């Protein structure tokens, strides 16, 4: 599993809400991916602070993952579906979701795309 430092922002990046809106935690040209990463990082850091130094970060990663998943765009409209795919692909690359979870989520995108095609 990738270290959480890989998903956290660099130490020299701004941390204010305004700055975060302008600069995602990790370079991404996709605003949805950046939003999901920020959701993970905020929840992860808050949980790490609650647990204290030296604690195992698996609980914090689980909380972060929950917030990452909640930040996913809805599977409505082609743009949102593309963004959803980008977010899940990123999550799989950093080992936030397992290949099996990604497979299930990608199956959901297929259903959404099928429904979208039937509408037009």
PDB file of N, CA and C in Angstrom:
ATOM      1  N   UNK A   1       0.838  -1.170   0.000  1.00  0.00           N
ATOM      2  CA  UNK A   1       0.000   0.000   0.000  1.00  0.00           C
ATOM      3  C   UNK A   1       0.890   1.243   0.000  1.00  0.00           C
ATOM      4  N   UNK A   2       0.503   2.241  -0.720  1.00  0.00           N
ATOM      5  CA  UNK A   2       1.302   3.452  -0.820  1.00  0.00           C
ATOM      6  C   UNK A   2       1.252   4.228   0.485  1.00  0.00           C
ATOM      7  N   UNK A   3       2.372   4.828   0.860  1.00  0.00           N
ATOM      8  CA  UNK A   3       2.417   5.621   2.069  1.00  0.00           C
ATOM      9  C   UNK A   3       1.501   6.824   1.937  1.00  0.00           C
ATOM     10  N   UNK A   4       0.858   7.245   3.033  1.00  0.00           N
ATOM     11  CA  UNK A   4      -0.032   8.395   2.956  1.00  0.00           C
ATOM     12  C   UNK A   4       0.698   9.665   2.546  1.00  0.00           C
ATOM     13  N   UNK A   5       2.009   9.729   2.770  1.00  0.00           N
ATOM     14  CA  UNK A   5       2.757  10.915   2.366  1.00  0.00           C
ATOM     15  C   UNK A   5       2.653  11.141   0.868  1.00  0.00           C
ATOM     16  N   UNK A   6       2.467  10.050   0.104  1.00  0.00           N
ATOM     17  CA  UNK A   6       2.358  10.165  -1.343  1.00  0.00           C
ATOM     18  C   UNK A   6       1.055  10.839  -1.758  1.00  0.00           C
ATOM     19  N   UNK A   7       0.091  10.820  -0.895  1.00  0.00           N
ATOM     20  CA  UNK A   7      -1.199  11.407  -1.229  1.00  0.00           C
ATOM     21  C   UNK A   7      -1.369  12.755  -0.531  1.00  0.00           C
ATOM     22  N   UNK A   8      -0.476  13.049   0.399  1.00  0.00           N
ATOM     23  CA  UNK A   8      -0.517  14.336   1.089  1.00  0.00           C
ATOM     24  C   UNK A   8       0.192  15.401   0.270  1.00  0.00           C
ATOM     25  N   UNK A   9      -0.142  16.683   0.533  1.00  0.00           N
ATOM     26  CA  UNK A   9       0.519  17.744  -0.222  1.00  0.00           C
ATOM     27  C   UNK A   9       1.968  17.914   0.223  1.00  0.00           C
ATOM     28  N   UNK A  10       2.744  18.520  -0.632  1.00  0.00           N
ATOM     29  CA  UNK A  10       4.121  18.850  -0.259  1.00  0.00           C
ATOM     30  C   UNK A  10       4.095  19.838   0.891  1.00  0.00           C
ATOM     31  N   UNK A  11       5.130  19.816   1.712  1.00  0.00           N
ATOM     32  CA  UNK A  11       5.162  20.661   2.911  1.00  0.00           C
ATOM     33  C   UNK A  11       5.127  22.154   2.591  1.00  0.00           C
ATOM     34  N   UNK A  12       5.596  22.546   1.426  1.00  0.00           N
ATOM     35  CA  UNK A  12       5.647  23.966   1.102  1.00  0.00           C
ATOM     36  C   UNK A  12       4.378  24.480   0.422  1.00  0.00           C
ATOM     37  N   UNK A  13       3.380  23.627   0.223  1.00  0.00           N
ATOM     38  CA  UNK A  13       2.146  24.087  -0.398  1.00  0.00           C
ATOM     39  C   UNK A  13       1.282  24.820   0.614  1.00  0.00           C
ATOM     40  N   UNK A  14       0.507  25.825   0.162  1.00  0.00           N
ATOM     41  CA  UNK A  14      -0.384  26.555   1.060  1.00  0.00           C
ATOM     42  C   UNK A  14      -1.432  25.623   1.655  1.00  0.00           C
ATOM     43  N   UNK A  15      -1.899  25.947   2.858  1.00  0.00           N
ATOM     44  CA  UNK A  15      -2.881  25.095   3.511  1.00  0.00           C
ATOM     45  C   UNK A  15      -4.221  25.791   3.753  1.00  0.00           C
ATOM     46  N   UNK A  16      -4.357  27.074   3.477  1.00  0.00           N
ATOM     47  CA  UNK A  16      -5.627  27.749   3.719  1.00  0.00           C
ATOM     48  C   UNK A  16      -6.687  27.232   2.761  1.00  0.00           C
ATOM     49  N   UNK A  17      -7.955  27.381   3.138  1.00  0.00           N
ATOM     50  CA  UNK A  17      -9.060  26.938   2.300  1.00  0.00           C
ATOM     51  C   UNK A  17      -9.001  27.586   0.920  1.00  0.00           C
ATOM     52  N   UNK A  18      -8.687  28.865   0.885  1.00  0.00           N
ATOM     53  CA  UNK A  18      -8.633  29.570  -0.388  1.00  0.00           C
ATOM     54  C   UNK A  18      -7.519  29.004  -1.264  1.00  0.00           C
ATOM     55  N   UNK A  19      -6.369  28.783  -0.684  1.00  0.00           N
ATOM     56  CA  UNK A  19      -5.250  28.248  -1.448  1.00  0.00           C
ATOM     57  C   UNK A  19      -5.531  26.834  -1.923  1.00  0.00           C
ATOM     58  N   UNK A  20      -6.185  26.022  -1.082  1.00  0.00           N
ATOM     59  CA  UNK A  20      -6.499  24.647  -1.471  1.00  0.00           C
ATOM     60  C   UNK A  20      -7.429  24.623  -2.663  1.00  0.00           C
ATOM     61  N   UNK A  21      -8.354  25.586  -2.724  1.00  0.00           N
ATOM     62  CA  UNK A  21      -9.272  25.631  -3.851  1.00  0.00           C
ATOM     63  C   UNK A  21      -8.517  25.924  -5.144  1.00  0.00           C
ATOM     64  N   UNK A  22      -7.439  26.685  -5.048  1.00  0.00           N
ATOM     65  CA  UNK A  22      -6.654  27.043  -6.228  1.00  0.00           C
ATOM     66  C   UNK A  22      -5.621  25.978  -6.569  1.00  0.00           C
ATOM     67  N   UNK A  23      -5.032  25.350  -5.558  1.00  0.00           N
ATOM     68  CA  UNK A  23      -3.980  24.365  -5.780  1.00  0.00           C
ATOM     69  C   UNK A  23      -4.360  23.045  -5.125  1.00  0.00           C
ATOM     70  N   UNK A  24      -4.676  22.035  -5.929  1.00  0.00           N
ATOM     71  CA  UNK A  24      -5.016  20.740  -5.333  1.00  0.00           C
ATOM     72  C   UNK A  24      -3.825  20.150  -4.587  1.00  0.00           C
ATOM     73  N   UNK A  25      -4.125  19.194  -3.701  1.00  0.00           N
ATOM     74  CA  UNK A  25      -3.098  18.555  -2.892  1.00  0.00           C
ATOM     75  C   UNK A  25      -2.062  17.829  -3.743  1.00  0.00           C
ATOM     76  N   UNK A  26      -2.443  17.458  -4.906  1.00  0.00           N
ATOM     77  CA  UNK A  26      -1.532  16.767  -5.812  1.00  0.00           C
ATOM     78  C   UNK A  26      -1.855  17.257  -7.212  1.00  0.00           C
ATOM     79  N   UNK A  27      -0.847  17.498  -8.020  1.00  0.00           N
ATOM     80  CA  UNK A  27      -1.119  18.013  -9.359  1.00  0.00           C
ATOM     81  C   UNK A  27      -2.125  17.134 -10.101  1.00  0.00           C
ATOM     82  N   UNK A  28      -3.176  17.748 -10.581  1.00  0.00           N
ATOM     83  CA  UNK A  28      -4.175  17.038 -11.356  1.00  0.00           C
ATOM     84  C   UNK A  28      -4.911  18.043 -12.215  1.00  0.00           C
ATOM     85  N   UNK A  29      -5.099  17.697 -13.456  1.00  0.00           N
ATOM     86  CA  UNK A  29      -5.858  18.577 -14.327  1.00  0.00           C
ATOM     87  C   UNK A  29      -7.350  18.294 -14.187  1.00  0.00           C
ATOM     88  N   UNK A  30      -7.702  17.288 -13.385  1.00  0.00           N
ATOM     89  CA  UNK A  30      -9.093  16.924 -13.183  1.00  0.00           C
ATOM     90  C   UNK A  30      -9.554  17.426 -11.818  1.00  0.00           C
ATOM     91  N   UNK A  31     -10.504  18.341 -11.833  1.00  0.00           N
ATOM     92  CA  UNK A  31     -10.987  18.945 -10.585  1.00  0.00           C
ATOM     93  C   UNK A  31     -11.635  17.917  -9.662  1.00  0.00           C
ATOM     94  N   UNK A  32     -12.296  16.922 -10.217  1.00  0.00           N
ATOM     95  CA  UNK A  32     -12.936  15.901  -9.383  1.00  0.00           C
ATOM     96  C   UNK A  32     -11.907  15.052  -8.647  1.00  0.00           C
ATOM     97  N   UNK A  33     -10.845  14.690  -9.334  1.00  0.00           N
ATOM     98  CA  UNK A  33      -9.777  13.922  -8.684  1.00  0.00           C
ATOM     99  C   UNK A  33      -9.160  14.765  -7.574  1.00  0.00           C
ATOM    100  N   UNK A  34      -8.898  16.035  -7.853  1.00  0.00           N
ATOM    101  CA  UNK A  34      -8.322  16.925  -6.845  1.00  0.00           C
ATOM    102  C   UNK A  34      -9.250  17.043  -5.637  1.00  0.00           C
ATOM    103  N   UNK A  35     -10.559  17.139  -5.874  1.00  0.00           N
ATOM    104  CA  UNK A  35     -11.531  17.240  -4.774  1.00  0.00           C
ATOM    105  C   UNK A  35     -11.509  15.969  -3.920  1.00  0.00           C
ATOM    106  N   UNK A  36     -11.450  14.815  -4.568  1.00  0.00           N
ATOM    107  CA  UNK A  36     -11.404  13.545  -3.826  1.00  0.00           C
ATOM    108  C   UNK A  36     -10.130  13.427  -3.006  1.00  0.00           C
ATOM    109  N   UNK A  37      -9.007  13.840  -3.584  1.00  0.00           N
ATOM    110  CA  UNK A  37      -7.730  13.797  -2.859  1.00  0.00           C
ATOM    111  C   UNK A  37      -7.784  14.713  -1.640  1.00  0.00           C
ATOM    112  N   UNK A  38      -8.316  15.918  -1.811  1.00  0.00           N
ATOM    113  CA  UNK A  38      -8.437  16.842  -0.671  1.00  0.00           C
ATOM    114  C   UNK A  38      -9.329  16.261   0.417  1.00  0.00           C
ATOM    115  N   UNK A  39     -10.430  15.619   0.017  1.00  0.00           N
ATOM    116  CA  UNK A  39     -11.334  15.007   1.001  1.00  0.00           C
ATOM    117  C   UNK A  39     -10.600  13.919   1.784  1.00  0.00           C
ATOM    118  N   UNK A  40      -9.842  13.083   1.072  1.00  0.00           N
ATOM    119  CA  UNK A  40      -9.050  12.056   1.747  1.00  0.00           C
ATOM    120  C   UNK A  40      -8.073  12.691   2.730  1.00  0.00           C
ATOM    121  N   UNK A  41      -7.308  13.655   2.239  1.00  0.00           N
ATOM    122  CA  UNK A  41      -6.249  14.250   3.066  1.00  0.00           C
ATOM    123  C   UNK A  41      -6.792  14.922   4.315  1.00  0.00           C
ATOM    124  N   UNK A  42      -7.864  15.660   4.181  1.00  0.00           N
ATOM    125  CA  UNK A  42      -8.449  16.322   5.364  1.00  0.00           C
ATOM    126  C   UNK A  42      -8.887  15.303   6.404  1.00  0.00           C
ATOM    127  N   UNK A  43      -9.614  14.276   5.968  1.00  0.00           N
ATOM    128  CA  UNK A  43     -10.099  13.261   6.897  1.00  0.00           C
ATOM    129  C   UNK A  43      -8.948  12.461   7.491  1.00  0.00           C
ATOM    130  N   UNK A  44      -7.971  12.123   6.657  1.00  0.00           N
ATOM    131  CA  UNK A  44      -6.804  11.369   7.121  1.00  0.00           C
ATOM    132  C   UNK A  44      -6.047  12.151   8.194  1.00  0.00           C
ATOM    133  N   UNK A  45      -5.750  13.402   7.900  1.00  0.00           N
ATOM    134  CA  UNK A  45      -4.996  14.230   8.866  1.00  0.00           C
ATOM    135  C   UNK A  45      -5.755  14.411  10.175  1.00  0.00           C
ATOM    136  N   UNK A  46      -7.056  14.626  10.084  1.00  0.00           N
ATOM    137  CA  UNK A  46      -7.861  14.802  11.299  1.00  0.00           C
ATOM    138  C   UNK A  46      -7.807  13.539  12.157  1.00  0.00           C
ATOM    139  N   UNK A  47      -7.935  12.375  11.520  1.00  0.00           N
ATOM    140  CA  UNK A  47      -7.908  11.118  12.265  1.00  0.00           C
ATOM    141  C   UNK A  47      -6.519  10.852  12.847  1.00  0.00           C
ATOM    142  N   UNK A  48      -5.478  11.158  12.101  1.00  0.00           N
ATOM    143  CA  UNK A  48      -4.110  10.990  12.613  1.00  0.00           C
ATOM    144  C   UNK A  48      -3.909  11.879  13.836  1.00  0.00           C
ATOM    145  N   UNK A  49      -4.412  13.108  13.776  1.00  0.00           N
ATOM    146  CA  UNK A  49      -4.301  14.010  14.927  1.00  0.00           C
ATOM    147  C   UNK A  49      -5.033  13.441  16.137  1.00  0.00           C
ATOM    148  N   UNK A  50      -6.205  12.835  15.907  1.00  0.00           N
ATOM    149  CA  UNK A  50      -6.974  12.218  16.998  1.00  0.00           C
ATOM    150  C   UNK A  50      -6.235  11.019  17.593  1.00  0.00           C
ATOM    151  N   UNK A  51      -5.620  10.226  16.733  1.00  0.00           N
ATOM    152  CA  UNK A  51      -4.944   9.011  17.190  1.00  0.00           C
ATOM    153  C   UNK A  51      -3.614   9.289  17.883  1.00  0.00           C
ATOM    154  N   UNK A  52      -2.980  10.379  17.498  1.00  0.00           N
ATOM    155  CA  UNK A  52      -1.693  10.722  18.092  1.00  0.00           C
ATOM    156  C   UNK A  52      -0.535  10.090  17.346  1.00  0.00           C
ATOM    157  N   UNK A  53       0.653  10.591  17.638  1.00  0.00           N
ATOM    158  CA  UNK A  53       1.863  10.104  16.972  1.00  0.00           C
ATOM    159  C   UNK A  53       2.131   8.649  17.327  1.00  0.00           C
ATOM    160  N   UNK A  54       2.697   7.956  16.378  1.00  0.00           N
ATOM    161  CA  UNK A  54       3.068   6.573  16.605  1.00  0.00           C
ATOM    162  C   UNK A  54       1.944   5.576  16.398  1.00  0.00           C
ATOM    163  N   UNK A  55       0.737   6.068  16.170  1.00  0.00           N
ATOM    164  CA  UNK A  55      -0.393   5.163  15.965  1.00  0.00           C
ATOM    165  C   UNK A  55      -0.344   4.568  14.559  1.00  0.00           C
ATOM    166  N   UNK A  56      -0.896   3.390  14.421  1.00  0.00           N
ATOM    167  CA  UNK A  56      -1.013   2.763  13.107  1.00  0.00           C
ATOM    168  C   UNK A  56      -1.969   3.597  12.272  1.00  0.00           C
ATOM    169  N   UNK A  57      -1.599   3.882  11.039  1.00  0.00           N
ATOM    170  CA  UNK A  57      -2.422   4.777  10.226  1.00  0.00           C
ATOM    171  C   UNK A  57      -3.524   4.065   9.449  1.00  0.00           C
ATOM    172  N   UNK A  58      -3.708   2.768   9.635  1.00  0.00           N
ATOM    173  CA  UNK A  58      -4.722   2.044   8.861  1.00  0.00           C
ATOM    174  C   UNK A  58      -6.123   2.571   9.135  1.00  0.00           C
ATOM    175  N   UNK A  59      -6.413   2.929  10.378  1.00  0.00           N
ATOM    176  CA  UNK A  59      -7.727   3.485  10.700  1.00  0.00           C
ATOM    177  C   UNK A  59      -7.913   4.844  10.027  1.00  0.00           C
ATOM    178  N   UNK A  60      -6.860   5.653  10.016  1.00  0.00           N
ATOM    179  CA  UNK A  60      -6.928   6.962   9.369  1.00  0.00           C
ATOM    180  C   UNK A  60      -7.109   6.812   7.860  1.00  0.00           C
ATOM    181  N   UNK A  61      -6.444   5.828   7.255  1.00  0.00           N
ATOM    182  CA  UNK A  61      -6.618   5.593   5.817  1.00  0.00           C
ATOM    183  C   UNK A  61      -8.042   5.157   5.498  1.00  0.00           C
ATOM    184  N   UNK A  62      -8.627   4.354   6.378  1.00  0.00           N
ATOM    185  CA  UNK A  62     -10.002   3.910   6.170  1.00  0.00           C
ATOM    186  C   UNK A  62     -10.963   5.094   6.235  1.00  0.00           C
ATOM    187  N   UNK A  63     -10.760   5.972   7.208  1.00  0.00           N
ATOM    188  CA  UNK A  63     -11.593   7.179   7.310  1.00  0.00           C
ATOM    189  C   UNK A  63     -11.383   8.056   6.078  1.00  0.00           C
ATOM    190  N   UNK A  64     -10.132   8.228   5.676  1.00  0.00           N
ATOM    191  CA  UNK A  64      -9.836   9.015   4.481  1.00  0.00           C
ATOM    192  C   UNK A  64     -10.492   8.429   3.243  1.00  0.00           C
ATOM    193  N   UNK A  65     -10.441   7.117   3.130  1.00  0.00           N
ATOM    194  CA  UNK A  65     -11.067   6.446   1.984  1.00  0.00           C
ATOM    195  C   UNK A  65     -12.568   6.708   1.960  1.00  0.00           C
ATOM    196  N   UNK A  66     -13.198   6.664   3.115  1.00  0.00           N
ATOM    197  CA  UNK A  66     -14.635   6.928   3.187  1.00  0.00           C
ATOM    198  C   UNK A  66     -14.953   8.316   2.638  1.00  0.00           C
ATOM    199  N   UNK A  67     -14.171   9.299   3.032  1.00  0.00           N
ATOM    200  CA  UNK A  67     -14.404  10.661   2.555  1.00  0.00           C
ATOM    201  C   UNK A  67     -14.045  10.806   1.075  1.00  0.00           C
ATOM    202  N   UNK A  68     -13.030  10.104   0.610  1.00  0.00           N
ATOM    203  CA  UNK A  68     -12.679  10.088  -0.804  1.00  0.00           C
ATOM    204  C   UNK A  68     -13.877   9.585  -1.613  1.00  0.00           C
ATOM    205  N   UNK A  69     -14.440   8.468  -1.175  1.00  0.00           N
ATOM    206  CA  UNK A  69     -15.557   7.869  -1.894  1.00  0.00           C
ATOM    207  C   UNK A  69     -16.797   8.767  -1.858  1.00  0.00           C
ATOM    208  N   UNK A  70     -17.009   9.454  -0.762  1.00  0.00           N
ATOM    209  CA  UNK A  70     -18.153  10.374  -0.670  1.00  0.00           C
ATOM    210  C   UNK A  70     -17.998  11.577  -1.590  1.00  0.00           C
ATOM    211  N   UNK A  71     -16.766  11.909  -1.932  1.00  0.00           N
ATOM    212  CA  UNK A  71     -16.507  13.056  -2.799  1.00  0.00           C
ATOM    213  C   UNK A  71     -16.600  12.700  -4.287  1.00  0.00           C
ATOM    214  N   UNK A  72     -16.793  11.423  -4.599  1.00  0.00           N
ATOM    215  CA  UNK A  72     -16.907  11.012  -5.998  1.00  0.00           C
ATOM    216  C   UNK A  72     -18.081  11.720  -6.666  1.00  0.00           C
ATOM    217  N   UNK A  73     -17.927  12.069  -7.933  1.00  0.00           N
ATOM    218  CA  UNK A  73     -19.047  12.687  -8.640  1.00  0.00           C
ATOM    219  C   UNK A  73     -20.163  11.665  -8.856  1.00  0.00           C
ATOM    220  N   UNK A  74     -21.393  12.144  -8.958  1.00  0.00           N
ATOM    221  CA  UNK A  74     -22.502  11.211  -9.209  1.00  0.00           C
ATOM    222  C   UNK A  74     -22.402  10.632 -10.620  1.00  0.00           C
ATOM    223  N   UNK A  75     -22.936   9.457 -10.787  1.00  0.00           N
ATOM    224  CA  UNK A  75     -22.909   8.807 -12.098  1.00  0.00           C
ATOM    225  C   UNK A  75     -24.088   9.291 -12.940  1.00  0.00           C
ATOM    226  N   UNK A  76     -24.100  10.579 -13.194  1.00  0.00           N
ATOM    227  CA  UNK A  76     -25.149  11.211 -13.988  1.00  0.00           C
ATOM    228  C   UNK A  76     -24.493  12.154 -14.980  1.00  0.00           C
ATOM    229  N   UNK A  77     -24.660  11.892 -16.242  1.00  0.00           N
ATOM    230  CA  UNK A  77     -24.058  12.736 -17.269  1.00  0.00           C
ATOM    231  C   UNK A  77     -22.677  12.247 -17.642  1.00  0.00           C
ATOM    232  N   UNK A  78     -22.345  12.412 -18.899  1.00  0.00           N
ATOM    233  CA  UNK A  78     -21.090  11.875 -19.421  1.00  0.00           C
ATOM    234  C   UNK A  78     -19.865  12.482 -18.732  1.00  0.00           C
ATOM    235  N   UNK A  79     -19.903  13.776 -18.444  1.00  0.00           N
ATOM    236  CA  UNK A  79     -18.761  14.420 -17.775  1.00  0.00           C
ATOM    237  C   UNK A  79     -18.518  13.856 -16.393  1.00  0.00           C
ATOM    238  N   UNK A  80     -19.592  13.687 -15.625  1.00  0.00           N
ATOM    239  CA  UNK A  80     -19.456  13.114 -14.283  1.00  0.00           C
ATOM    240  C   UNK A  80     -18.984  11.668 -14.330  1.00  0.00           C
ATOM    241  N   UNK A  81     -19.461  10.928 -15.315  1.00  0.00           N
ATOM    242  CA  UNK A  81     -19.036   9.527 -15.436  1.00  0.00           C
ATOM    243  C   UNK A  81     -17.545   9.460 -15.743  1.00  0.00           C
ATOM    244  N   UNK A  82     -17.081  10.323 -16.632  1.00  0.00           N
ATOM    245  CA  UNK A  82     -15.641  10.368 -16.929  1.00  0.00           C
ATOM    246  C   UNK A  82     -14.837  10.739 -15.680  1.00  0.00           C
ATOM    247  N   UNK A  83     -15.330  11.713 -14.928  1.00  0.00           N
ATOM    248  CA  UNK A  83     -14.634  12.120 -13.707  1.00  0.00           C
ATOM    249  C   UNK A  83     -14.635  10.996 -12.674  1.00  0.00           C
ATOM    250  N   UNK A  84     -15.745  10.287 -12.562  1.00  0.00           N
ATOM    251  CA  UNK A  84     -15.848   9.149 -11.647  1.00  0.00           C
ATOM    252  C   UNK A  84     -14.782   8.105 -12.001  1.00  0.00           C
ATOM    253  N   UNK A  85     -14.662   7.806 -13.293  1.00  0.00           N
ATOM    254  CA  UNK A  85     -13.665   6.842 -13.750  1.00  0.00           C
ATOM    255  C   UNK A  85     -12.253   7.328 -13.399  1.00  0.00           C
ATOM    256  N   UNK A  86     -11.995   8.611 -13.600  1.00  0.00           N
ATOM    257  CA  UNK A  86     -10.672   9.173 -13.281  1.00  0.00           C
ATOM    258  C   UNK A  86     -10.381   9.046 -11.785  1.00  0.00           C
ATOM    259  N   UNK A  87     -11.369   9.311 -10.956  1.00  0.00           N
ATOM    260  CA  UNK A  87     -11.181   9.230  -9.502  1.00  0.00           C
ATOM    261  C   UNK A  87     -10.917   7.791  -9.055  1.00  0.00           C
ATOM    262  N   UNK A  88     -11.665   6.856  -9.597  1.00  0.00           N
ATOM    263  CA  UNK A  88     -11.476   5.454  -9.215  1.00  0.00           C
ATOM    264  C   UNK A  88     -10.139   4.936  -9.734  1.00  0.00           C
ATOM    265  N   UNK A  89      -9.775   5.342 -10.939  1.00  0.00           N
ATOM    266  CA  UNK A  89      -8.481   4.934 -11.482  1.00  0.00           C
ATOM    267  C   UNK A  89      -7.348   5.435 -10.598  1.00  0.00           C
ATOM    268  N   UNK A  90      -7.423   6.703 -10.185  1.00  0.00           N
ATOM    269  CA  UNK A  90      -6.403   7.255  -9.303  1.00  0.00           C
ATOM    270  C   UNK A  90      -6.375   6.485  -7.975  1.00  0.00           C
ATOM    271  N   UNK A  91      -7.549   6.241  -7.401  1.00  0.00           N
ATOM    272  CA  UNK A  91      -7.622   5.524  -6.121  1.00  0.00           C
ATOM    273  C   UNK A  91      -7.018   4.126  -6.233  1.00  0.00           C
ATOM    274  N   UNK A  92      -7.218   3.491  -7.364  1.00  0.00           N
ATOM    275  CA  UNK A  92      -6.634   2.164  -7.554  1.00  0.00           C
ATOM    276  C   UNK A  92      -5.117   2.262  -7.697  1.00  0.00           C
ATOM    277  N   UNK A  93      -4.637   3.277  -8.388  1.00  0.00           N
ATOM    278  CA  UNK A  93      -3.197   3.440  -8.573  1.00  0.00           C
ATOM    279  C   UNK A  93      -2.455   3.674  -7.264  1.00  0.00           C
ATOM    280  N   UNK A  94      -3.077   4.379  -6.334  1.00  0.00           N
ATOM    281  CA  UNK A  94      -2.424   4.634  -5.044  1.00  0.00           C
ATOM    282  C   UNK A  94      -2.842   3.609  -3.994  1.00  0.00           C
ATOM    283  N   UNK A  95      -3.506   2.550  -4.464  1.00  0.00           N
ATOM    284  CA  UNK A  95      -3.920   1.428  -3.620  1.00  0.00           C
ATOM    285  C   UNK A  95      -4.866   1.849  -2.496  1.00  0.00           C
ATOM    286  N   UNK A  96      -5.716   2.802  -2.806  1.00  0.00           N
ATOM    287  CA  UNK A  96      -6.756   3.203  -1.860  1.00  0.00           C
ATOM    288  C   UNK A  96      -7.958   2.275  -1.996  1.00  0.00           C
ATOM    289  N   UNK A  97      -8.205   1.802  -3.207  1.00  0.00           N
ATOM    290  CA  UNK A  97      -9.233   0.784  -3.436  1.00  0.00           C
ATOM    291  C   UNK A  97      -8.553  -0.441  -4.037  1.00  0.00           C
ATOM    292  N   UNK A  98      -9.079  -1.587  -3.716  1.00  0.00           N
ATOM    293  CA  UNK A  98      -8.534  -2.842  -4.240  1.00  0.00           C
ATOM    294  C   UNK A  98      -8.969  -3.027  -5.689  1.00  0.00           C
ATOM    295  N   UNK A  99      -8.278  -3.872  -6.407  1.00  0.00           N
ATOM    296  CA  UNK A  99      -8.709  -4.164  -7.778  1.00  0.00           C
ATOM    297  C   UNK A  99     -10.153  -4.677  -7.840  1.00  0.00           C
ATOM    298  N   UNK A 100     -10.550  -5.465  -6.863  1.00  0.00           N
ATOM    299  CA  UNK A 100     -11.930  -5.988  -6.824  1.00  0.00           C
ATOM    300  C   UNK A 100     -12.932  -4.854  -6.614  1.00  0.00           C
ATOM    301  N   UNK A 101     -12.618  -3.928  -5.703  1.00  0.00           N
ATOM    302  CA  UNK A 101     -13.511  -2.782  -5.489  1.00  0.00           C
ATOM    303  C   UNK A 101     -13.597  -1.932  -6.758  1.00  0.00           C
ATOM    304  N   UNK A 102     -12.460  -1.715  -7.398  1.00  0.00           N
ATOM    305  CA  UNK A 102     -12.439  -0.925  -8.631  1.00  0.00           C
ATOM    306  C   UNK A 102     -13.268  -1.605  -9.711  1.00  0.00           C
ATOM    307  N   UNK A 103     -13.161  -2.920  -9.804  1.00  0.00           N
ATOM    308  CA  UNK A 103     -13.935  -3.674 -10.790  1.00  0.00           C
ATOM    309  C   UNK A 103     -15.435  -3.453 -10.573  1.00  0.00           C
ATOM    310  N   UNK A 104     -15.868  -3.500  -9.327  1.00  0.00           N
ATOM    311  CA  UNK A 104     -17.278  -3.281  -9.001  1.00  0.00           C
ATOM    312  C   UNK A 104     -17.703  -1.855  -9.351  1.00  0.00           C
ATOM    313  N   UNK A 105     -16.858  -0.897  -9.016  1.00  0.00           N
ATOM    314  CA  UNK A 105     -17.178   0.504  -9.308  1.00  0.00           C
ATOM    315  C   UNK A 105     -17.195   0.772 -10.807  1.00  0.00           C
ATOM    316  N   UNK A 106     -16.273   0.161 -11.550  1.00  0.00           N
ATOM    317  CA  UNK A 106     -16.280   0.326 -13.009  1.00  0.00           C
ATOM    318  C   UNK A 106     -17.519  -0.328 -13.627  1.00  0.00           C
ATOM    319  N   UNK A 107     -18.005  -1.408 -13.029  1.00  0.00           N
ATOM    320  CA  UNK A 107     -19.252  -2.028 -13.506  1.00  0.00           C
ATOM    321  C   UNK A 107     -20.413  -1.045 -13.335  1.00  0.00           C
ATOM    322  N   UNK A 108     -20.383  -0.278 -12.261  1.00  0.00           N
ATOM    323  CA  UNK A 108     -21.418   0.750 -12.049  1.00  0.00           C
ATOM    324  C   UNK A 108     -21.369   1.806 -13.150  1.00  0.00           C
ATOM    325  N   UNK A 109     -20.162   2.154 -13.586  1.00  0.00           N
ATOM    326  CA  UNK A 109     -20.059   3.153 -14.657  1.00  0.00           C
ATOM    327  C   UNK A 109     -20.617   2.592 -15.962  1.00  0.00           C
ATOM    328  N   UNK A 110     -20.427   1.310 -16.200  1.00  0.00           N
ATOM    329  CA  UNK A 110     -20.986   0.689 -17.410  1.00  0.00           C
ATOM    330  C   UNK A 110     -22.512   0.779 -17.403  1.00  0.00           C
ATOM    331  N   UNK A 111     -23.103   0.526 -16.255  1.00  0.00           N
ATOM    332  CA  UNK A 111     -24.562   0.612 -16.129  1.00  0.00           C
ATOM    333  C   UNK A 111     -25.023   2.046 -16.362  1.00  0.00           C
ATOM    334  N   UNK A 112     -24.311   3.000 -15.774  1.00  0.00           N
ATOM    335  CA  UNK A 112     -24.668   4.407 -15.950  1.00  0.00           C
ATOM    336  C   UNK A 112     -24.549   4.826 -17.413  1.00  0.00           C
ATOM    337  N   UNK A 113     -23.487   4.397 -18.077  1.00  0.00           N
ATOM    338  CA  UNK A 113     -23.317   4.709 -19.498  1.00  0.00           C
ATOM    339  C   UNK A 113     -24.417   4.080 -20.343  1.00  0.00           C
ATOM    340  N   UNK A 114     -24.782   2.861 -20.011  1.00  0.00           N
ATOM    341  CA  UNK A 114     -25.855   2.182 -20.729  1.00  0.00           C
ATOM    342  C   UNK A 114     -27.171   2.942 -20.558  1.00  0.00           C
ATOM    343  N   UNK A 115     -27.446   3.365 -19.353  1.00  0.00           N
ATOM    344  CA  UNK A 115     -28.682   4.118 -19.098  1.00  0.00           C
ATOM    345  C   UNK A 115     -28.656   5.451 -19.833  1.00  0.00           C
ATOM    346  N   UNK A 116     -27.500   6.082 -19.879  1.00  0.00           N
ATOM    347  CA  UNK A 116     -27.358   7.358 -20.568  1.00  0.00           C
ATOM    348  C   UNK A 116     -27.605   7.196 -22.071  1.00  0.00           C
ATOM    349  N   UNK A 117     -27.079   6.128 -22.641  1.00  0.00           N
ATOM    350  CA  UNK A 117     -27.278   5.865 -24.078  1.00  0.00           C
ATOM    351  C   UNK A 117     -28.755   5.653 -24.402  1.00  0.00           C
ATOM    352  N   UNK A 118     -29.459   5.001 -23.506  1.00  0.00           N
ATOM    353  CA  UNK A 118     -30.891   4.715 -23.734  1.00  0.00           C
ATOM    354  C   UNK A 118     -31.721   5.996 -23.663  1.00  0.00           C
ATOM    355  N   UNK A 119     -31.241   6.991 -22.919  1.00  0.00           N
ATOM    356  CA  UNK A 119     -31.971   8.261 -22.814  1.00  0.00           C
ATOM    357  C   UNK A 119     -31.918   9.046 -24.112  1.00  0.00           C
ATOM    358  N   UNK A 120     -30.790   8.944 -24.838  1.00  0.00           N
ATOM    359  CA  UNK A 120     -30.618   9.782 -26.030  1.00  0.00           C
ATOM    360  C   UNK A 120     -31.115   9.126 -27.292  1.00  0.00           C
TER     361      UNK A 120
END
